[in-house]
Amino acid sequence: MTFDLHPHLLAPVAAAPLSRAPFAIADETQADVPAREALLDAAFGPARFLKTCERLREGRQPAPGLALAARDDGGEFIATIRLWPIFAGGRRPALLLGPVAVAEHARSLGLGAEMIRASLIRARALGHRAVLLVGDEPYYRRFGFEQRFTAKLALPGPVERARFLGLELAPGALEGAEGRVSAAPLEAPMALPRAA
């Protein structure tokens, strides 16, 4: 089965294949939890639990197959990224990207961008259609995130509007999306079947 990939996702990966990088990206495991929590504490401190996006993650698990970890050549845990099932207003399935964190000594490797690309490509391959996040628009623009996709959406708490961004993994996935973003019920199917 093949998938059409968003141009913002395909080109950078083709230009910088992961196989040549001094790190490996793979599924997060239960054994990674202490290292992941320590990395997030170092990157964001205790204030990370006060962020509006945390309201959408509390008591939930990341979307299946969308919790990734990176390790260096020596096997050290050096980066994390997770995507979470949400509804982008009403019952429109989407994902929430974050947090993404990279160990301070590994930040010059371009690992944050590779983690984002890998997670978006995987999300697309799994049938997810849209991703939202709160982050710096100049950074996330390279992956195709734009403010226009969230113009009529609201998060369950305060956020700088200029930092609330969206990406369509499938054309039209966020067209007409409006209302409050909410956490998806645990039993809700989040990926829609692909057309044949």
C-alpha atoms as a PDB file:
ATOM      1  CA  MET A   1       0.000   0.000   0.000  1.00  0.00           C
ATOM      2  CA  THR A   2       1.339   3.446  -0.861  1.00  0.00           C
ATOM      3  CA  PHE A   3       0.414   6.840   0.522  1.00  0.00           C
ATOM      4  CA  ASP A   4       0.623  10.288  -0.991  1.00  0.00           C
ATOM      5  CA  LEU A   5       2.700  12.355   1.408  1.00  0.00           C
ATOM      6  CA  HIS A   6       2.380  16.074   1.983  1.00  0.00           C
ATOM      7  CA  PRO A   7       5.234  17.830   0.096  1.00  0.00           C
ATOM      8  CA  HIS A   8       6.415  19.463   3.344  1.00  0.00           C
ATOM      9  CA  LEU A   9       6.932  15.988   4.794  1.00  0.00           C
ATOM     10  CA  LEU A  10       8.371  14.007   1.906  1.00  0.00           C
ATOM     11  CA  ALA A  11      11.072  16.333   0.604  1.00  0.00           C
ATOM     12  CA  PRO A  12      12.982  16.893   3.859  1.00  0.00           C
ATOM     13  CA  VAL A  13      13.041  13.177   4.668  1.00  0.00           C
ATOM     14  CA  ALA A  14      14.339  12.290   1.212  1.00  0.00           C
ATOM     15  CA  ALA A  15      17.059  14.924   1.612  1.00  0.00           C
ATOM     16  CA  ALA A  16      18.198  13.691   5.030  1.00  0.00           C
ATOM     17  CA  PRO A  17      17.566   9.977   5.530  1.00  0.00           C
ATOM     18  CA  LEU A  18      17.566   8.792   9.113  1.00  0.00           C
ATOM     19  CA  SER A  19      19.885   5.892   8.331  1.00  0.00           C
ATOM     20  CA  ARG A  20      22.836   8.313   8.088  1.00  0.00           C
ATOM     21  CA  ALA A  21      22.055  10.133  11.318  1.00  0.00           C
ATOM     22  CA  PRO A  22      23.872   9.463  14.635  1.00  0.00           C
ATOM     23  CA  PHE A  23      20.553   8.493  16.214  1.00  0.00           C
ATOM     24  CA  ALA A  24      17.697   6.056  15.690  1.00  0.00           C
ATOM     25  CA  ILE A  25      13.982   6.834  15.983  1.00  0.00           C
ATOM     26  CA  ALA A  26      11.735   4.004  17.145  1.00  0.00           C
ATOM     27  CA  ASP A  27       8.572   3.311  19.124  1.00  0.00           C
ATOM     28  CA  GLU A  28       8.690   4.426  22.737  1.00  0.00           C
ATOM     29  CA  THR A  29       8.653   1.529  25.202  1.00  0.00           C
ATOM     30  CA  GLN A  30       7.513   1.225  28.802  1.00  0.00           C
ATOM     31  CA  ALA A  31      11.196   1.122  29.807  1.00  0.00           C
ATOM     32  CA  ASP A  32      11.589   4.629  28.327  1.00  0.00           C
ATOM     33  CA  VAL A  33       9.150   6.256  30.762  1.00  0.00           C
ATOM     34  CA  PRO A  34      11.687   7.375  33.430  1.00  0.00           C
ATOM     35  CA  ALA A  35      14.082   8.776  30.814  1.00  0.00           C
ATOM     36  CA  ARG A  36      11.226  10.488  28.965  1.00  0.00           C
ATOM     37  CA  GLU A  37       9.897  12.128  32.131  1.00  0.00           C
ATOM     38  CA  ALA A  38      13.394  13.288  33.117  1.00  0.00           C
ATOM     39  CA  LEU A  39      13.929  14.755  29.646  1.00  0.00           C
ATOM     40  CA  LEU A  40      10.584  16.587  29.741  1.00  0.00           C
ATOM     41  CA  ASP A  41      11.337  17.924  33.227  1.00  0.00           C
ATOM     42  CA  ALA A  42      14.719  19.205  32.043  1.00  0.00           C
ATOM     43  CA  ALA A  43      13.220  20.798  28.927  1.00  0.00           C
ATOM     44  CA  PHE A  44      10.047  22.347  30.372  1.00  0.00           C
ATOM     45  CA  GLY A  45      10.209  22.156  34.173  1.00  0.00           C
ATOM     46  CA  PRO A  46       7.155  21.685  36.382  1.00  0.00           C
ATOM     47  CA  ALA A  47       5.269  24.398  34.454  1.00  0.00           C
ATOM     48  CA  ARG A  48       4.656  21.829  31.715  1.00  0.00           C
ATOM     49  CA  PHE A  49       1.739  20.468  33.741  1.00  0.00           C
ATOM     50  CA  LEU A  50       0.052  23.893  33.740  1.00  0.00           C
ATOM     51  CA  LYS A  51      -0.093  24.297  29.971  1.00  0.00           C
ATOM     52  CA  THR A  52      -3.456  24.324  28.223  1.00  0.00           C
ATOM     53  CA  CYS A  53      -2.510  21.383  25.989  1.00  0.00           C
ATOM     54  CA  GLU A  54      -1.941  19.286  29.094  1.00  0.00           C
ATOM     55  CA  ARG A  55      -5.708  19.425  29.693  1.00  0.00           C
ATOM     56  CA  LEU A  56      -6.090  17.372  26.486  1.00  0.00           C
ATOM     57  CA  ARG A  57      -3.480  14.790  27.566  1.00  0.00           C
ATOM     58  CA  GLU A  58      -4.333  14.241  31.238  1.00  0.00           C
ATOM     59  CA  GLY A  59      -5.196  10.645  32.043  1.00  0.00           C
ATOM     60  CA  ARG A  60      -4.879   9.573  28.428  1.00  0.00           C
ATOM     61  CA  GLN A  61      -2.494   7.582  26.271  1.00  0.00           C
ATOM     62  CA  PRO A  62      -0.895   8.781  23.034  1.00  0.00           C
ATOM     63  CA  ALA A  63      -2.457   7.620  19.791  1.00  0.00           C
ATOM     64  CA  PRO A  64      -1.385   4.043  18.993  1.00  0.00           C
ATOM     65  CA  GLY A  65       1.921   3.967  17.135  1.00  0.00           C
ATOM     66  CA  LEU A  66       2.530   7.687  17.690  1.00  0.00           C
ATOM     67  CA  ALA A  67       4.787   7.793  20.746  1.00  0.00           C
ATOM     68  CA  LEU A  68       8.346   7.889  19.428  1.00  0.00           C
ATOM     69  CA  ALA A  69      11.748   7.942  21.081  1.00  0.00           C
ATOM     70  CA  ALA A  70      15.226   8.610  19.734  1.00  0.00           C
ATOM     71  CA  ARG A  71      18.428   7.067  21.000  1.00  0.00           C
ATOM     72  CA  ASP A  72      22.001   7.908  20.134  1.00  0.00           C
ATOM     73  CA  ASP A  73      24.592   5.401  18.922  1.00  0.00           C
ATOM     74  CA  GLY A  74      25.250   4.377  22.517  1.00  0.00           C
ATOM     75  CA  GLY A  75      21.572   3.687  23.222  1.00  0.00           C
ATOM     76  CA  GLU A  76      20.982   6.811  25.350  1.00  0.00           C
ATOM     77  CA  PHE A  77      17.420   8.212  25.258  1.00  0.00           C
ATOM     78  CA  ILE A  78      17.822  11.663  23.670  1.00  0.00           C
ATOM     79  CA  ALA A  79      14.408  12.723  22.302  1.00  0.00           C
ATOM     80  CA  THR A  80      10.679  12.182  22.627  1.00  0.00           C
ATOM     81  CA  ILE A  81       7.562  13.067  20.688  1.00  0.00           C
ATOM     82  CA  ARG A  82       3.950  12.034  21.143  1.00  0.00           C
ATOM     83  CA  LEU A  83       0.696  12.665  19.287  1.00  0.00           C
ATOM     84  CA  TRP A  84      -2.631  12.462  21.095  1.00  0.00           C
ATOM     85  CA  PRO A  85      -6.165  11.735  19.862  1.00  0.00           C
ATOM     86  CA  ILE A  86      -8.430  14.775  19.994  1.00  0.00           C
ATOM     87  CA  PHE A  87     -11.486  16.237  18.310  1.00  0.00           C
ATOM     88  CA  ALA A  88     -10.975  19.480  16.414  1.00  0.00           C
ATOM     89  CA  GLY A  89     -14.351  20.997  17.205  1.00  0.00           C
ATOM     90  CA  GLY A  90     -17.395  18.746  17.340  1.00  0.00           C
ATOM     91  CA  ARG A  91     -16.518  15.163  16.438  1.00  0.00           C
ATOM     92  CA  ARG A  92     -13.827  15.841  13.815  1.00  0.00           C
ATOM     93  CA  PRO A  93     -10.908  13.462  14.542  1.00  0.00           C
ATOM     94  CA  ALA A  94      -7.437  14.989  14.753  1.00  0.00           C
ATOM     95  CA  LEU A  95      -4.181  14.639  16.647  1.00  0.00           C
ATOM     96  CA  LEU A  96      -2.424  16.956  19.080  1.00  0.00           C
ATOM     97  CA  LEU A  97       1.344  17.065  18.624  1.00  0.00           C
ATOM     98  CA  GLY A  98       3.500  17.438  21.694  1.00  0.00           C
ATOM     99  CA  PRO A  99       5.413  17.600  23.717  1.00  0.00           C
ATOM    100  CA  VAL A 100       8.556  17.188  21.669  1.00  0.00           C
ATOM    101  CA  ALA A 101      11.845  17.446  23.547  1.00  0.00           C
ATOM    102  CA  VAL A 102      15.487  16.833  22.714  1.00  0.00           C
ATOM    103  CA  ALA A 103      18.335  16.422  25.195  1.00  0.00           C
ATOM    104  CA  GLU A 104      20.413  19.596  25.383  1.00  0.00           C
ATOM    105  CA  HIS A 105      23.619  17.928  24.163  1.00  0.00           C
ATOM    106  CA  ALA A 106      21.798  16.551  21.073  1.00  0.00           C
ATOM    107  CA  ARG A 107      20.051  19.713  19.886  1.00  0.00           C
ATOM    108  CA  SER A 108      22.571  20.434  17.128  1.00  0.00           C
ATOM    109  CA  LEU A 109      21.703  17.204  15.277  1.00  0.00           C
ATOM    110  CA  GLY A 110      18.433  18.400  13.723  1.00  0.00           C
ATOM    111  CA  LEU A 111      16.736  15.709  15.771  1.00  0.00           C
ATOM    112  CA  GLY A 112      13.666  17.755  16.708  1.00  0.00           C
ATOM    113  CA  ALA A 113      12.798  18.245  13.032  1.00  0.00           C
ATOM    114  CA  GLU A 114      13.421  14.579  12.249  1.00  0.00           C
ATOM    115  CA  MET A 115      11.177  13.504  15.142  1.00  0.00           C
ATOM    116  CA  ILE A 116       8.392  15.757  13.853  1.00  0.00           C
ATOM    117  CA  ARG A 117       8.770  14.516  10.270  1.00  0.00           C
ATOM    118  CA  ALA A 118       8.837  10.877  11.336  1.00  0.00           C
ATOM    119  CA  SER A 119       5.741  11.266  13.503  1.00  0.00           C
ATOM    120  CA  LEU A 120       3.775  13.109  10.799  1.00  0.00           C
ATOM    121  CA  ILE A 121       4.671  10.574   8.129  1.00  0.00           C
ATOM    122  CA  ARG A 122       3.634   7.767  10.458  1.00  0.00           C
ATOM    123  CA  ALA A 123       0.387   9.563  11.394  1.00  0.00           C
ATOM    124  CA  ARG A 124      -0.458   9.974   7.709  1.00  0.00           C
ATOM    125  CA  ALA A 125       0.336   6.317   6.998  1.00  0.00           C
ATOM    126  CA  LEU A 126      -1.932   5.274   9.881  1.00  0.00           C
ATOM    127  CA  GLY A 127      -4.837   7.153   8.308  1.00  0.00           C
ATOM    128  CA  HIS A 128      -4.919  10.265  10.483  1.00  0.00           C
ATOM    129  CA  ARG A 129      -6.047  13.352   8.631  1.00  0.00           C
ATOM    130  CA  ALA A 130      -5.115  16.411  10.721  1.00  0.00           C
ATOM    131  CA  VAL A 131      -2.730  17.576  13.431  1.00  0.00           C
ATOM    132  CA  LEU A 132      -2.942  20.566  15.783  1.00  0.00           C
ATOM    133  CA  LEU A 133      -0.268  22.022  18.044  1.00  0.00           C
ATOM    134  CA  VAL A 134       0.763  25.053  20.052  1.00  0.00           C
ATOM    135  CA  GLY A 135       4.220  26.212  19.012  1.00  0.00           C
ATOM    136  CA  ASP A 136       6.342  28.765  17.204  1.00  0.00           C
ATOM    137  CA  GLU A 137       4.861  29.320  13.755  1.00  0.00           C
ATOM    138  CA  PRO A 138       8.195  30.213  12.081  1.00  0.00           C
ATOM    139  CA  TYR A 139       9.576  26.814  13.170  1.00  0.00           C
ATOM    140  CA  TYR A 140       6.534  24.662  12.396  1.00  0.00           C
ATOM    141  CA  ARG A 141       5.738  26.353   9.062  1.00  0.00           C
ATOM    142  CA  ARG A 142       8.384  24.178   7.376  1.00  0.00           C
ATOM    143  CA  PHE A 143       6.240  21.119   8.113  1.00  0.00           C
ATOM    144  CA  GLY A 144       3.100  22.743   6.673  1.00  0.00           C
ATOM    145  CA  PHE A 145       1.477  24.002   9.901  1.00  0.00           C
ATOM    146  CA  GLU A 146      -0.577  27.180   9.502  1.00  0.00           C
ATOM    147  CA  GLN A 147      -2.758  29.438  11.651  1.00  0.00           C
ATOM    148  CA  ARG A 148      -5.574  29.421   9.089  1.00  0.00           C
ATOM    149  CA  PHE A 149      -6.522  25.860  10.023  1.00  0.00           C
ATOM    150  CA  THR A 150      -7.259  26.836  13.642  1.00  0.00           C
ATOM    151  CA  ALA A 151      -8.910  30.207  13.045  1.00  0.00           C
ATOM    152  CA  LYS A 152     -12.327  29.019  14.257  1.00  0.00           C
ATOM    153  CA  LEU A 153     -11.106  26.530  16.863  1.00  0.00           C
ATOM    154  CA  ALA A 154     -10.582  27.129  20.585  1.00  0.00           C
ATOM    155  CA  LEU A 155      -8.498  25.234  23.111  1.00  0.00           C
ATOM    156  CA  PRO A 156      -9.767  24.471  26.651  1.00  0.00           C
ATOM    157  CA  GLY A 157      -7.716  27.275  28.205  1.00  0.00           C
ATOM    158  CA  PRO A 158      -5.597  30.298  27.351  1.00  0.00           C
ATOM    159  CA  VAL A 159      -3.196  30.203  24.422  1.00  0.00           C
ATOM    160  CA  GLU A 160      -1.513  32.766  22.183  1.00  0.00           C
ATOM    161  CA  ARG A 161      -3.573  32.615  18.966  1.00  0.00           C
ATOM    162  CA  ALA A 162      -0.479  33.070  16.795  1.00  0.00           C
ATOM    163  CA  ARG A 163       0.958  29.846  18.269  1.00  0.00           C
ATOM    164  CA  PHE A 164      -2.149  27.698  17.705  1.00  0.00           C
ATOM    165  CA  LEU A 165      -1.465  25.907  14.406  1.00  0.00           C
ATOM    166  CA  GLY A 166      -2.887  23.127  12.279  1.00  0.00           C
ATOM    167  CA  LEU A 167      -1.830  20.821   9.473  1.00  0.00           C
ATOM    168  CA  GLU A 168      -3.986  18.841   7.080  1.00  0.00           C
ATOM    169  CA  LEU A 169      -2.509  15.426   6.346  1.00  0.00           C
ATOM    170  CA  ALA A 170      -5.435  14.893   3.959  1.00  0.00           C
ATOM    171  CA  PRO A 171      -6.768  17.793   1.870  1.00  0.00           C
ATOM    172  CA  GLY A 172      -9.852  19.388   3.426  1.00  0.00           C
ATOM    173  CA  ALA A 173      -9.479  17.569   6.754  1.00  0.00           C
ATOM    174  CA  LEU A 174      -9.863  20.812   8.720  1.00  0.00           C
ATOM    175  CA  GLU A 175     -12.135  22.624   6.283  1.00  0.00           C
ATOM    176  CA  GLY A 176     -14.953  24.222   8.257  1.00  0.00           C
ATOM    177  CA  ALA A 177     -13.561  23.059  11.587  1.00  0.00           C
ATOM    178  CA  GLU A 178     -14.887  25.232  14.407  1.00  0.00           C
ATOM    179  CA  GLY A 179     -15.613  25.080  18.093  1.00  0.00           C
ATOM    180  CA  ARG A 180     -13.762  23.775  21.088  1.00  0.00           C
ATOM    181  CA  VAL A 181     -10.960  21.237  20.791  1.00  0.00           C
ATOM    182  CA  SER A 182     -11.524  18.306  23.140  1.00  0.00           C
ATOM    183  CA  ALA A 183      -9.807  15.100  24.167  1.00  0.00           C
ATOM    184  CA  ALA A 184     -11.166  12.096  22.324  1.00  0.00           C
ATOM    185  CA  PRO A 185     -12.901   9.440  24.395  1.00  0.00           C
ATOM    186  CA  LEU A 186     -10.630   6.447  24.918  1.00  0.00           C
ATOM    187  CA  GLU A 187     -12.867   4.205  22.836  1.00  0.00           C
ATOM    188  CA  ALA A 188     -13.218   6.609  19.886  1.00  0.00           C
ATOM    189  CA  PRO A 189     -11.783   5.445  16.541  1.00  0.00           C
ATOM    190  CA  MET A 190      -9.378   8.170  15.483  1.00  0.00           C
ATOM    191  CA  ALA A 191      -8.155   7.131  12.046  1.00  0.00           C
ATOM    192  CA  LEU A 192     -10.649   6.979   9.246  1.00  0.00           C
ATOM    193  CA  PRO A 193     -10.434   4.184   6.662  1.00  0.00           C
ATOM    194  CA  ARG A 194      -8.609   5.207   3.494  1.00  0.00           C
ATOM    195  CA  ALA A 195     -10.445   5.264   0.214  1.00  0.00           C
ATOM    196  CA  ALA A 196      -9.387   2.442  -2.102  1.00  0.00           C
END
